[in-house]
Amino acid sequence: MGKEKIIEVFQSFFSMKILIIGDVMIDSYMWGKVERISPEAPIPVVAVTKKENRLGGAGNVALNVQAMGAEPILCSVIGKDSGEDLFYEIMRINNLSSEGIFSVSKRKTTVKTRVISDGQHLLRVDEELTAPLDTETEELFISKIFSVIESKPVNAIIFQDYDKGVITPYVIEKVTGIANQRGIPTTVDPKKRNFNSYKNVTLFKPNFKELLEGLKLEFEKSDTKSLLQAVGRLHETSNIQNVLVTLSEHGVFISNRKEHYKIPAEIRDIADVSGAGDTVISVATLCMAAGLPIQQTARISNLAGGLVCEKVGVVSIDKKRLLEELSA
């Protein structure tokens, strides 16, 4: 694909609206210096020099979609707790609409706090509730999603599943049903709990570990024959049109029943893989919504995932740099 065509595709993203459904969270960071060991226990003492709060989970997918030029519409459920106001404030700072977010007293706003020194993660503390939505909240959530679909010309729907309970089998069934009725592509970044509940979707993007766990298989990343058979099961048993498997150092594998490709990883200085999956599903969804062939979709999203791994912490893709690398 030539440079002019790539630019044309990237320009098309500006007219797209992408609905993102899933588990949102606050990624809280504490950076500092370690110069001594605690006298209370054999652990490092971190003298904190900087703090920052970012959107994580499905929120990071929204930021990646936004960074690529499209309009993200984020739909999720958070708790009525100390994290609620902070979450809405981060949404406002990032110019994201909160029309698809609602808070309930029965839930908890997920906060992941990472302690980092000299580019190394020393500790992560998770505050969360991972039980599935109760029936009442589930119905309210589906109604909110449907109202967004009714009121806006949605170009694609992303399920960003982190097993925190917002996405349930019933939510999946109802949303994919209306999406297929309206011809809206659906893409999925799955986790273990709902792995086999995603049926009749356009693109399914597990990583290698999730693929093995979800299908209860065991083989090596380099075993392309077994990988192809595993992906074939997803095509047949779940009627999934396209499967994109991320293989970390082995790149990505993509299949659409008729053809398949393995795109090798690019050699990069990896600082942190956090959030790379969010970037891959975001870029892959936009490429599919733009009508790109699967090989190009895999190549572009693979490159995007590698680029964000060069940064410490969860960050969104730099569209300008991605375009430069694709045009080189």
C-alpha atoms as a PDB file:
ATOM      1  CA  MET A   1       0.000   0.000   0.000  1.00  0.00           C
ATOM      2  CA  GLY A   2       1.511   3.311  -1.124  1.00  0.00           C
ATOM      3  CA  LYS A   3       1.992   6.425   0.979  1.00  0.00           C
ATOM      4  CA  GLU A   4      -0.913   8.290  -0.641  1.00  0.00           C
ATOM      5  CA  LYS A   5      -3.308   5.409   0.054  1.00  0.00           C
ATOM      6  CA  ILE A   6      -2.151   5.197   3.689  1.00  0.00           C
ATOM      7  CA  ILE A   7      -2.740   8.940   4.129  1.00  0.00           C
ATOM      8  CA  GLU A   8      -6.181   8.591   2.532  1.00  0.00           C
ATOM      9  CA  VAL A   9      -7.114   5.768   4.925  1.00  0.00           C
ATOM     10  CA  PHE A  10      -5.851   7.719   7.941  1.00  0.00           C
ATOM     11  CA  GLN A  11      -7.829  10.767   6.807  1.00  0.00           C
ATOM     12  CA  SER A  12     -10.997   8.643   6.687  1.00  0.00           C
ATOM     13  CA  PHE A  13     -10.725   8.022  10.436  1.00  0.00           C
ATOM     14  CA  PHE A  14     -11.719  11.642  11.128  1.00  0.00           C
ATOM     15  CA  SER A  15     -15.293  10.925   9.992  1.00  0.00           C
ATOM     16  CA  MET A  16     -15.705   7.773  12.106  1.00  0.00           C
ATOM     17  CA  LYS A  17     -17.583   7.247  15.365  1.00  0.00           C
ATOM     18  CA  ILE A  18     -16.454   4.191  17.349  1.00  0.00           C
ATOM     19  CA  LEU A  19     -18.525   2.820  20.242  1.00  0.00           C
ATOM     20  CA  ILE A  20     -16.350   1.244  22.954  1.00  0.00           C
ATOM     21  CA  ILE A  21     -17.976  -1.063  25.505  1.00  0.00           C
ATOM     22  CA  GLY A  22     -16.046  -2.464  28.436  1.00  0.00           C
ATOM     23  CA  ASP A  23     -14.245  -2.193  31.716  1.00  0.00           C
ATOM     24  CA  VAL A  24     -12.839   1.266  32.386  1.00  0.00           C
ATOM     25  CA  MET A  25     -10.262   2.050  35.031  1.00  0.00           C
ATOM     26  CA  ILE A  26      -7.953   4.697  36.392  1.00  0.00           C
ATOM     27  CA  ASP A  27      -4.265   3.946  35.865  1.00  0.00           C
ATOM     28  CA  SER A  28      -2.543   5.776  38.686  1.00  0.00           C
ATOM     29  CA  TYR A  29       1.232   6.205  38.566  1.00  0.00           C
ATOM     30  CA  MET A  30       3.758   7.065  41.251  1.00  0.00           C
ATOM     31  CA  TRP A  31       7.309   7.725  40.077  1.00  0.00           C
ATOM     32  CA  GLY A  32      10.201   8.046  42.477  1.00  0.00           C
ATOM     33  CA  LYS A  33      13.755   7.231  43.494  1.00  0.00           C
ATOM     34  CA  VAL A  34      14.982   4.267  45.491  1.00  0.00           C
ATOM     35  CA  GLU A  35      18.003   5.092  47.622  1.00  0.00           C
ATOM     36  CA  ARG A  36      17.562   2.869  50.647  1.00  0.00           C
ATOM     37  CA  ILE A  37      15.926  -0.268  52.005  1.00  0.00           C
ATOM     38  CA  SER A  38      13.179   0.002  54.608  1.00  0.00           C
ATOM     39  CA  PRO A  39      14.231  -0.720  58.215  1.00  0.00           C
ATOM     40  CA  GLU A  40      10.777  -2.280  58.741  1.00  0.00           C
ATOM     41  CA  ALA A  41      11.086  -5.001  56.068  1.00  0.00           C
ATOM     42  CA  PRO A  42      13.502  -5.970  53.248  1.00  0.00           C
ATOM     43  CA  ILE A  43      11.736  -3.770  50.706  1.00  0.00           C
ATOM     44  CA  PRO A  44      12.817  -0.624  48.815  1.00  0.00           C
ATOM     45  CA  VAL A  45      11.689   2.797  50.021  1.00  0.00           C
ATOM     46  CA  VAL A  46      10.435   4.920  47.122  1.00  0.00           C
ATOM     47  CA  ALA A  47      10.766   8.682  47.500  1.00  0.00           C
ATOM     48  CA  VAL A  48       7.890   9.831  45.269  1.00  0.00           C
ATOM     49  CA  THR A  49       8.739  12.658  42.857  1.00  0.00           C
ATOM     50  CA  LYS A  50       5.710  12.620  40.545  1.00  0.00           C
ATOM     51  CA  LYS A  51       2.113  11.352  40.418  1.00  0.00           C
ATOM     52  CA  GLU A  52      -0.226  11.010  37.460  1.00  0.00           C
ATOM     53  CA  ASN A  53      -3.663   9.545  36.757  1.00  0.00           C
ATOM     54  CA  ARG A  54      -4.616   8.233  33.299  1.00  0.00           C
ATOM     55  CA  LEU A  55      -7.550   6.414  31.741  1.00  0.00           C
ATOM     56  CA  GLY A  56      -7.008   2.683  31.491  1.00  0.00           C
ATOM     57  CA  GLY A  57      -8.778  -0.389  30.145  1.00  0.00           C
ATOM     58  CA  ALA A  58     -11.559   0.545  27.738  1.00  0.00           C
ATOM     59  CA  GLY A  59     -10.701   4.176  28.526  1.00  0.00           C
ATOM     60  CA  ASN A  60      -7.279   3.683  26.980  1.00  0.00           C
ATOM     61  CA  VAL A  61      -8.944   2.222  23.880  1.00  0.00           C
ATOM     62  CA  ALA A  62     -11.010   5.431  23.659  1.00  0.00           C
ATOM     63  CA  LEU A  63      -7.819   7.507  23.877  1.00  0.00           C
ATOM     64  CA  ASN A  64      -6.192   5.442  21.121  1.00  0.00           C
ATOM     65  CA  VAL A  65      -9.246   5.810  18.882  1.00  0.00           C
ATOM     66  CA  GLN A  66      -9.199   9.554  19.573  1.00  0.00           C
ATOM     67  CA  ALA A  67      -5.451   9.754  18.867  1.00  0.00           C
ATOM     68  CA  MET A  68      -6.071   8.173  15.454  1.00  0.00           C
ATOM     69  CA  GLY A  69      -8.577  10.931  14.635  1.00  0.00           C
ATOM     70  CA  ALA A  70     -11.913   9.137  15.161  1.00  0.00           C
ATOM     71  CA  GLU A  71     -14.580  10.015  17.723  1.00  0.00           C
ATOM     72  CA  PRO A  72     -14.760   7.489  20.589  1.00  0.00           C
ATOM     73  CA  ILE A  73     -18.009   6.945  22.491  1.00  0.00           C
ATOM     74  CA  LEU A  74     -17.191   5.131  25.716  1.00  0.00           C
ATOM     75  CA  CYS A  75     -19.871   3.021  27.452  1.00  0.00           C
ATOM     76  CA  SER A  76     -19.190   1.590  30.894  1.00  0.00           C
ATOM     77  CA  VAL A  77     -20.289   1.358  34.519  1.00  0.00           C
ATOM     78  CA  ILE A  78     -18.262   2.765  37.425  1.00  0.00           C
ATOM     79  CA  GLY A  79     -18.849   3.014  41.174  1.00  0.00           C
ATOM     80  CA  LYS A  80     -20.282   5.836  43.235  1.00  0.00           C
ATOM     81  CA  ASP A  81     -17.097   6.134  45.266  1.00  0.00           C
ATOM     82  CA  SER A  82     -13.920   8.149  45.722  1.00  0.00           C
ATOM     83  CA  GLY A  83     -12.777   7.290  42.194  1.00  0.00           C
ATOM     84  CA  GLU A  84     -15.963   8.532  40.500  1.00  0.00           C
ATOM     85  CA  ASP A  85     -15.182  12.271  40.460  1.00  0.00           C
ATOM     86  CA  LEU A  86     -11.572  11.615  39.471  1.00  0.00           C
ATOM     87  CA  PHE A  87     -12.699   9.405  36.577  1.00  0.00           C
ATOM     88  CA  TYR A  88     -15.077  12.066  35.206  1.00  0.00           C
ATOM     89  CA  GLU A  89     -12.380  14.716  35.635  1.00  0.00           C
ATOM     90  CA  ILE A  90      -9.877  12.662  33.598  1.00  0.00           C
ATOM     91  CA  MET A  91     -12.555  12.167  30.927  1.00  0.00           C
ATOM     92  CA  ARG A  92     -13.104  15.946  30.811  1.00  0.00           C
ATOM     93  CA  ILE A  93      -9.377  16.717  30.623  1.00  0.00           C
ATOM     94  CA  ASN A  94      -9.072  14.337  27.670  1.00  0.00           C
ATOM     95  CA  ASN A  95     -12.097  15.861  25.882  1.00  0.00           C
ATOM     96  CA  LEU A  96     -14.023  12.583  26.018  1.00  0.00           C
ATOM     97  CA  SER A  97     -17.803  12.493  26.256  1.00  0.00           C
ATOM     98  CA  SER A  98     -19.186  10.785  29.370  1.00  0.00           C
ATOM     99  CA  GLU A  99     -22.651  10.259  27.842  1.00  0.00           C
ATOM    100  CA  GLY A 100     -22.167   6.469  27.858  1.00  0.00           C
ATOM    101  CA  ILE A 101     -20.888   6.262  31.457  1.00  0.00           C
ATOM    102  CA  PHE A 102     -23.040   5.824  34.511  1.00  0.00           C
ATOM    103  CA  SER A 103     -22.205   5.140  38.143  1.00  0.00           C
ATOM    104  CA  VAL A 104     -23.973   2.891  40.628  1.00  0.00           C
ATOM    105  CA  SER A 105     -23.447   2.390  44.348  1.00  0.00           C
ATOM    106  CA  LYS A 106     -23.188  -1.403  43.887  1.00  0.00           C
ATOM    107  CA  ARG A 107     -20.038  -1.121  41.758  1.00  0.00           C
ATOM    108  CA  LYS A 108     -16.478   0.044  42.420  1.00  0.00           C
ATOM    109  CA  THR A 109     -14.371   2.308  40.219  1.00  0.00           C
ATOM    110  CA  THR A 110     -11.307   0.251  39.297  1.00  0.00           C
ATOM    111  CA  VAL A 111      -8.013   1.949  40.197  1.00  0.00           C
ATOM    112  CA  LYS A 112      -4.638   0.368  39.411  1.00  0.00           C
ATOM    113  CA  THR A 113      -1.730   2.097  41.117  1.00  0.00           C
ATOM    114  CA  ARG A 114       1.753   1.434  39.753  1.00  0.00           C
ATOM    115  CA  VAL A 115       4.958   2.400  41.569  1.00  0.00           C
ATOM    116  CA  ILE A 116       7.873   2.973  39.187  1.00  0.00           C
ATOM    117  CA  SER A 117      11.535   3.803  39.745  1.00  0.00           C
ATOM    118  CA  ASP A 118      14.250   4.107  37.085  1.00  0.00           C
ATOM    119  CA  GLY A 119      11.855   2.769  34.458  1.00  0.00           C
ATOM    120  CA  GLN A 120      11.120  -0.385  36.474  1.00  0.00           C
ATOM    121  CA  HIS A 121       7.754  -1.387  37.941  1.00  0.00           C
ATOM    122  CA  LEU A 122       8.246  -2.089  41.638  1.00  0.00           C
ATOM    123  CA  LEU A 123       4.642  -2.652  42.707  1.00  0.00           C
ATOM    124  CA  ARG A 124       1.040  -2.540  41.503  1.00  0.00           C
ATOM    125  CA  VAL A 125      -1.950  -2.125  43.818  1.00  0.00           C
ATOM    126  CA  ASP A 126      -5.446  -2.922  42.434  1.00  0.00           C
ATOM    127  CA  GLU A 127      -8.687  -1.579  43.898  1.00  0.00           C
ATOM    128  CA  GLU A 128     -11.591  -3.255  42.097  1.00  0.00           C
ATOM    129  CA  LEU A 129     -14.790  -5.279  42.103  1.00  0.00           C
ATOM    130  CA  THR A 130     -14.920  -8.001  39.443  1.00  0.00           C
ATOM    131  CA  ALA A 131     -18.378  -9.523  40.015  1.00  0.00           C
ATOM    132  CA  PRO A 132     -20.655  -9.410  36.929  1.00  0.00           C
ATOM    133  CA  LEU A 133     -23.279  -6.658  36.732  1.00  0.00           C
ATOM    134  CA  ASP A 134     -26.510  -7.497  38.540  1.00  0.00           C
ATOM    135  CA  THR A 135     -29.612  -7.935  36.371  1.00  0.00           C
ATOM    136  CA  GLU A 136     -30.994  -4.430  37.012  1.00  0.00           C
ATOM    137  CA  THR A 137     -27.709  -2.669  36.186  1.00  0.00           C
ATOM    138  CA  GLU A 138     -27.199  -4.938  33.175  1.00  0.00           C
ATOM    139  CA  GLU A 139     -30.550  -3.866  31.688  1.00  0.00           C
ATOM    140  CA  LEU A 140     -29.809  -0.186  32.327  1.00  0.00           C
ATOM    141  CA  PHE A 141     -26.403  -0.571  30.703  1.00  0.00           C
ATOM    142  CA  ILE A 142     -27.842  -2.245  27.594  1.00  0.00           C
ATOM    143  CA  SER A 143     -30.466   0.505  27.328  1.00  0.00           C
ATOM    144  CA  LYS A 144     -27.741   3.158  27.442  1.00  0.00           C
ATOM    145  CA  ILE A 145     -25.749   1.366  24.722  1.00  0.00           C
ATOM    146  CA  PHE A 146     -28.847   1.025  22.539  1.00  0.00           C
ATOM    147  CA  SER A 147     -29.655   4.736  22.956  1.00  0.00           C
ATOM    148  CA  VAL A 148     -26.167   5.629  21.679  1.00  0.00           C
ATOM    149  CA  ILE A 149     -26.565   3.296  18.677  1.00  0.00           C
ATOM    150  CA  GLU A 150     -29.995   4.797  17.934  1.00  0.00           C
ATOM    151  CA  SER A 151     -28.795   8.406  18.161  1.00  0.00           C
ATOM    152  CA  LYS A 152     -25.403   8.264  16.396  1.00  0.00           C
ATOM    153  CA  PRO A 153     -24.054   6.815  13.116  1.00  0.00           C
ATOM    154  CA  VAL A 154     -21.710   4.262  14.714  1.00  0.00           C
ATOM    155  CA  ASN A 155     -19.032   2.888  12.340  1.00  0.00           C
ATOM    156  CA  ALA A 156     -17.842   0.047  14.594  1.00  0.00           C
ATOM    157  CA  ILE A 157     -18.258  -1.356  18.104  1.00  0.00           C
ATOM    158  CA  ILE A 158     -15.329  -2.510  20.261  1.00  0.00           C
ATOM    159  CA  PHE A 159     -15.762  -4.879  23.217  1.00  0.00           C
ATOM    160  CA  GLN A 160     -12.790  -4.234  25.511  1.00  0.00           C
ATOM    161  CA  ASP A 161     -13.066  -6.977  28.113  1.00  0.00           C
ATOM    162  CA  TYR A 162     -10.864  -6.976  31.209  1.00  0.00           C
ATOM    163  CA  ASP A 163     -12.943  -9.476  33.236  1.00  0.00           C
ATOM    164  CA  LYS A 164     -14.067  -6.748  35.665  1.00  0.00           C
ATOM    165  CA  GLY A 165     -17.759  -7.647  35.236  1.00  0.00           C
ATOM    166  CA  VAL A 166     -19.137  -4.863  33.010  1.00  0.00           C
ATOM    167  CA  ILE A 167     -19.321  -7.117  29.946  1.00  0.00           C
ATOM    168  CA  THR A 168     -21.604 -10.113  30.515  1.00  0.00           C
ATOM    169  CA  PRO A 169     -22.810 -12.844  28.128  1.00  0.00           C
ATOM    170  CA  TYR A 170     -26.213 -11.113  27.990  1.00  0.00           C
ATOM    171  CA  VAL A 171     -24.620  -7.738  27.108  1.00  0.00           C
ATOM    172  CA  ILE A 172     -22.605  -9.466  24.378  1.00  0.00           C
ATOM    173  CA  GLU A 173     -25.669 -11.238  22.954  1.00  0.00           C
ATOM    174  CA  LYS A 174     -27.892  -8.138  22.881  1.00  0.00           C
ATOM    175  CA  VAL A 175     -25.270  -5.755  21.473  1.00  0.00           C
ATOM    176  CA  THR A 176     -23.931  -8.107  18.786  1.00  0.00           C
ATOM    177  CA  GLY A 177     -27.537  -8.825  17.810  1.00  0.00           C
ATOM    178  CA  ILE A 178     -28.416  -5.185  17.137  1.00  0.00           C
ATOM    179  CA  ALA A 179     -25.002  -4.547  15.541  1.00  0.00           C
ATOM    180  CA  ASN A 180     -25.466  -7.379  13.060  1.00  0.00           C
ATOM    181  CA  GLN A 181     -29.005  -6.196  12.270  1.00  0.00           C
ATOM    182  CA  ARG A 182     -27.611  -2.763  11.408  1.00  0.00           C
ATOM    183  CA  GLY A 183     -24.462  -3.959   9.650  1.00  0.00           C
ATOM    184  CA  ILE A 184     -22.126  -2.450  12.261  1.00  0.00           C
ATOM    185  CA  PRO A 185     -18.754  -4.272  12.551  1.00  0.00           C
ATOM    186  CA  THR A 186     -17.987  -5.662  16.019  1.00  0.00           C
ATOM    187  CA  THR A 187     -14.463  -6.249  17.316  1.00  0.00           C
ATOM    188  CA  VAL A 188     -13.378  -7.936  20.531  1.00  0.00           C
ATOM    189  CA  ASP A 189     -10.361  -7.859  22.840  1.00  0.00           C
ATOM    190  CA  PRO A 190     -11.343 -10.815  25.060  1.00  0.00           C
ATOM    191  CA  LYS A 191     -10.390 -12.148  28.451  1.00  0.00           C
ATOM    192  CA  LYS A 192     -10.913 -15.591  29.961  1.00  0.00           C
ATOM    193  CA  ARG A 193     -14.378 -15.326  31.568  1.00  0.00           C
ATOM    194  CA  ASN A 194     -16.390 -14.466  28.447  1.00  0.00           C
ATOM    195  CA  PHE A 195     -14.015 -15.942  25.867  1.00  0.00           C
ATOM    196  CA  ASN A 196     -16.521 -18.393  24.423  1.00  0.00           C
ATOM    197  CA  SER A 197     -19.517 -16.024  24.667  1.00  0.00           C
ATOM    198  CA  TYR A 198     -18.425 -13.918  21.700  1.00  0.00           C
ATOM    199  CA  LYS A 199     -20.223 -15.266  18.650  1.00  0.00           C
ATOM    200  CA  ASN A 200     -21.020 -13.758  15.226  1.00  0.00           C
ATOM    201  CA  VAL A 201     -18.462 -10.955  15.622  1.00  0.00           C
ATOM    202  CA  THR A 202     -16.368  -9.332  12.892  1.00  0.00           C
ATOM    203  CA  LEU A 203     -12.924  -9.457  14.529  1.00  0.00           C
ATOM    204  CA  PHE A 204     -11.707 -11.384  17.589  1.00  0.00           C
ATOM    205  CA  LYS A 205      -8.288 -10.401  18.994  1.00  0.00           C
ATOM    206  CA  PRO A 206      -6.953 -12.649  21.764  1.00  0.00           C
ATOM    207  CA  ASN A 207      -3.318 -12.759  22.719  1.00  0.00           C
ATOM    208  CA  PHE A 208      -1.602 -16.157  22.601  1.00  0.00           C
ATOM    209  CA  LYS A 209      -2.138 -16.933  26.297  1.00  0.00           C
ATOM    210  CA  GLU A 210      -5.841 -16.042  26.078  1.00  0.00           C
ATOM    211  CA  LEU A 211      -6.241 -18.238  22.991  1.00  0.00           C
ATOM    212  CA  LEU A 212      -4.748 -21.270  24.757  1.00  0.00           C
ATOM    213  CA  GLU A 213      -6.755 -20.727  27.946  1.00  0.00           C
ATOM    214  CA  GLY A 214     -10.000 -20.012  26.103  1.00  0.00           C
ATOM    215  CA  LEU A 215      -9.801 -23.123  23.936  1.00  0.00           C
ATOM    216  CA  LYS A 216      -8.050 -25.268  26.582  1.00  0.00           C
ATOM    217  CA  LEU A 217      -5.117 -26.030  24.287  1.00  0.00           C
ATOM    218  CA  GLU A 218      -1.370 -26.272  24.695  1.00  0.00           C
ATOM    219  CA  PHE A 219       1.233 -25.632  21.974  1.00  0.00           C
ATOM    220  CA  GLU A 220       4.162 -23.325  21.226  1.00  0.00           C
ATOM    221  CA  LYS A 221       3.893 -19.910  19.549  1.00  0.00           C
ATOM    222  CA  SER A 222       6.108 -21.135  16.734  1.00  0.00           C
ATOM    223  CA  ASP A 223       3.687 -23.994  15.909  1.00  0.00           C
ATOM    224  CA  THR A 224       1.827 -22.335  13.029  1.00  0.00           C
ATOM    225  CA  LYS A 225      -0.102 -25.496  12.112  1.00  0.00           C
ATOM    226  CA  SER A 226      -1.642 -25.778  15.609  1.00  0.00           C
ATOM    227  CA  LEU A 227      -2.297 -22.034  15.637  1.00  0.00           C
ATOM    228  CA  LEU A 228      -4.182 -22.279  12.357  1.00  0.00           C
ATOM    229  CA  GLN A 229      -6.265 -25.186  13.701  1.00  0.00           C
ATOM    230  CA  ALA A 230      -7.094 -23.250  16.883  1.00  0.00           C
ATOM    231  CA  VAL A 231      -8.159 -20.198  14.894  1.00  0.00           C
ATOM    232  CA  GLY A 232     -10.208 -22.473  12.636  1.00  0.00           C
ATOM    233  CA  ARG A 233     -12.171 -23.613  15.682  1.00  0.00           C
ATOM    234  CA  LEU A 234     -13.086 -19.997  16.443  1.00  0.00           C
ATOM    235  CA  HIS A 235     -14.230 -19.458  12.868  1.00  0.00           C
ATOM    236  CA  GLU A 236     -16.427 -22.554  12.902  1.00  0.00           C
ATOM    237  CA  THR A 237     -17.775 -22.866  16.464  1.00  0.00           C
ATOM    238  CA  SER A 238     -18.316 -19.142  17.128  1.00  0.00           C
ATOM    239  CA  ASN A 239     -18.908 -17.935  13.547  1.00  0.00           C
ATOM    240  CA  ILE A 240     -16.165 -15.314  13.878  1.00  0.00           C
ATOM    241  CA  GLN A 241     -15.264 -13.657  10.574  1.00  0.00           C
ATOM    242  CA  ASN A 242     -11.690 -12.548  11.344  1.00  0.00           C
ATOM    243  CA  VAL A 243      -9.284 -13.687  14.066  1.00  0.00           C
ATOM    244  CA  LEU A 244      -6.192 -11.664  14.984  1.00  0.00           C
ATOM    245  CA  VAL A 245      -3.848 -13.322  17.506  1.00  0.00           C
ATOM    246  CA  THR A 246      -1.054 -11.229  19.030  1.00  0.00           C
ATOM    247  CA  LEU A 247       2.108 -13.297  19.577  1.00  0.00           C
ATOM    248  CA  SER A 248       4.378 -10.731  21.320  1.00  0.00           C
ATOM    249  CA  GLU A 249       7.921 -11.378  20.045  1.00  0.00           C
ATOM    250  CA  HIS A 250       6.529 -13.520  17.192  1.00  0.00           C
ATOM    251  CA  GLY A 251       4.353 -10.685  15.812  1.00  0.00           C
ATOM    252  CA  VAL A 252       0.684 -11.283  14.921  1.00  0.00           C
ATOM    253  CA  PHE A 253      -1.362 -13.904  13.066  1.00  0.00           C
ATOM    254  CA  ILE A 254      -4.569 -13.050  11.191  1.00  0.00           C
ATOM    255  CA  SER A 255      -7.124 -15.242   9.431  1.00  0.00           C
ATOM    256  CA  ASN A 256     -10.499 -14.789   7.721  1.00  0.00           C
ATOM    257  CA  ARG A 257     -11.216 -18.449   6.811  1.00  0.00           C
ATOM    258  CA  LYS A 258     -10.086 -17.978   3.191  1.00  0.00           C
ATOM    259  CA  GLU A 259      -6.595 -16.602   3.821  1.00  0.00           C
ATOM    260  CA  HIS A 260      -4.176 -16.163   6.690  1.00  0.00           C
ATOM    261  CA  TYR A 261      -0.947 -14.246   7.316  1.00  0.00           C
ATOM    262  CA  LYS A 262       1.735 -14.147   9.973  1.00  0.00           C
ATOM    263  CA  ILE A 263       3.269 -10.680  10.368  1.00  0.00           C
ATOM    264  CA  PRO A 264       6.651 -10.755  12.181  1.00  0.00           C
ATOM    265  CA  ALA A 265       7.362  -8.439  15.099  1.00  0.00           C
ATOM    266  CA  GLU A 266       9.565  -5.422  14.419  1.00  0.00           C
ATOM    267  CA  ILE A 267      12.745  -5.139  16.467  1.00  0.00           C
ATOM    268  CA  ARG A 268      12.157  -2.456  19.086  1.00  0.00           C
ATOM    269  CA  ASP A 269      13.506  -1.251  22.420  1.00  0.00           C
ATOM    270  CA  ILE A 270      10.657  -2.566  24.587  1.00  0.00           C
ATOM    271  CA  ALA A 271      10.141  -0.520  27.750  1.00  0.00           C
ATOM    272  CA  ASP A 272       6.635  -1.629  28.789  1.00  0.00           C
ATOM    273  CA  VAL A 273       3.957  -3.801  27.146  1.00  0.00           C
ATOM    274  CA  SER A 274       1.124  -2.297  29.231  1.00  0.00           C
ATOM    275  CA  GLY A 275      -1.728  -1.118  27.024  1.00  0.00           C
ATOM    276  CA  ALA A 276      -0.325  -2.553  23.784  1.00  0.00           C
ATOM    277  CA  GLY A 277      -3.424  -4.721  23.335  1.00  0.00           C
ATOM    278  CA  ASP A 278      -5.624  -1.623  23.671  1.00  0.00           C
ATOM    279  CA  THR A 279      -3.700   0.023  20.845  1.00  0.00           C
ATOM    280  CA  VAL A 280      -3.849  -3.049  18.591  1.00  0.00           C
ATOM    281  CA  ILE A 281      -7.647  -3.470  18.892  1.00  0.00           C
ATOM    282  CA  SER A 282      -8.196   0.283  18.381  1.00  0.00           C
ATOM    283  CA  VAL A 283      -6.117   0.507  15.212  1.00  0.00           C
ATOM    284  CA  ALA A 284      -7.352  -2.838  13.857  1.00  0.00           C
ATOM    285  CA  THR A 285     -10.962  -1.734  14.314  1.00  0.00           C
ATOM    286  CA  LEU A 286     -10.396   1.528  12.454  1.00  0.00           C
ATOM    287  CA  CYS A 287      -8.612  -0.297   9.626  1.00  0.00           C
ATOM    288  CA  MET A 288     -11.470  -2.785   9.276  1.00  0.00           C
ATOM    289  CA  ALA A 289     -14.053   0.015   9.380  1.00  0.00           C
ATOM    290  CA  ALA A 290     -12.083   1.677   6.562  1.00  0.00           C
ATOM    291  CA  GLY A 291     -12.362  -1.526   4.531  1.00  0.00           C
ATOM    292  CA  LEU A 292      -8.671  -2.492   4.519  1.00  0.00           C
ATOM    293  CA  PRO A 293      -7.709  -6.106   3.664  1.00  0.00           C
ATOM    294  CA  ILE A 294      -6.757  -8.307   6.624  1.00  0.00           C
ATOM    295  CA  GLN A 295      -3.031  -8.343   5.801  1.00  0.00           C
ATOM    296  CA  GLN A 296      -2.840  -4.533   5.887  1.00  0.00           C
ATOM    297  CA  THR A 297      -4.989  -4.409   9.019  1.00  0.00           C
ATOM    298  CA  ALA A 298      -2.608  -6.814  10.776  1.00  0.00           C
ATOM    299  CA  ARG A 299       0.511  -4.982   9.589  1.00  0.00           C
ATOM    300  CA  ILE A 300      -0.664  -1.537  10.715  1.00  0.00           C
ATOM    301  CA  SER A 301      -2.046  -2.651  14.091  1.00  0.00           C
ATOM    302  CA  ASN A 302       1.067  -4.767  14.773  1.00  0.00           C
ATOM    303  CA  LEU A 303       3.290  -1.750  14.120  1.00  0.00           C
ATOM    304  CA  ALA A 304       1.089   0.457  16.327  1.00  0.00           C
ATOM    305  CA  GLY A 305       1.274  -2.023  19.215  1.00  0.00           C
ATOM    306  CA  GLY A 306       5.057  -2.123  18.957  1.00  0.00           C
ATOM    307  CA  LEU A 307       5.367   1.653  19.003  1.00  0.00           C
ATOM    308  CA  VAL A 308       3.516   2.083  22.322  1.00  0.00           C
ATOM    309  CA  CYS A 309       5.734  -0.580  23.923  1.00  0.00           C
ATOM    310  CA  GLU A 310       8.663   1.841  23.649  1.00  0.00           C
ATOM    311  CA  LYS A 311       7.076   4.040  26.323  1.00  0.00           C
ATOM    312  CA  VAL A 312       6.797   3.336  30.067  1.00  0.00           C
ATOM    313  CA  GLY A 313       3.216   3.050  31.305  1.00  0.00           C
ATOM    314  CA  VAL A 314      -0.057   2.941  29.423  1.00  0.00           C
ATOM    315  CA  VAL A 315       0.087   5.446  26.555  1.00  0.00           C
ATOM    316  CA  SER A 316      -1.911   5.948  23.361  1.00  0.00           C
ATOM    317  CA  ILE A 317      -0.540   5.726  19.846  1.00  0.00           C
ATOM    318  CA  ASP A 318       1.246   8.628  18.153  1.00  0.00           C
ATOM    319  CA  LYS A 319      -0.609   8.796  14.812  1.00  0.00           C
ATOM    320  CA  LYS A 320       2.020  10.989  13.151  1.00  0.00           C
ATOM    321  CA  ARG A 321       4.848   8.606  14.032  1.00  0.00           C
ATOM    322  CA  LEU A 322       2.805   5.574  12.943  1.00  0.00           C
ATOM    323  CA  LEU A 323       2.133   7.224   9.585  1.00  0.00           C
ATOM    324  CA  GLU A 324       5.840   8.079   9.194  1.00  0.00           C
ATOM    325  CA  GLU A 325       6.896   4.472   9.863  1.00  0.00           C
ATOM    326  CA  LEU A 326       4.290   3.079   7.490  1.00  0.00           C
ATOM    327  CA  SER A 327       5.429   5.505   4.773  1.00  0.00           C
ATOM    328  CA  ALA A 328       9.144   4.786   5.220  1.00  0.00           C
END
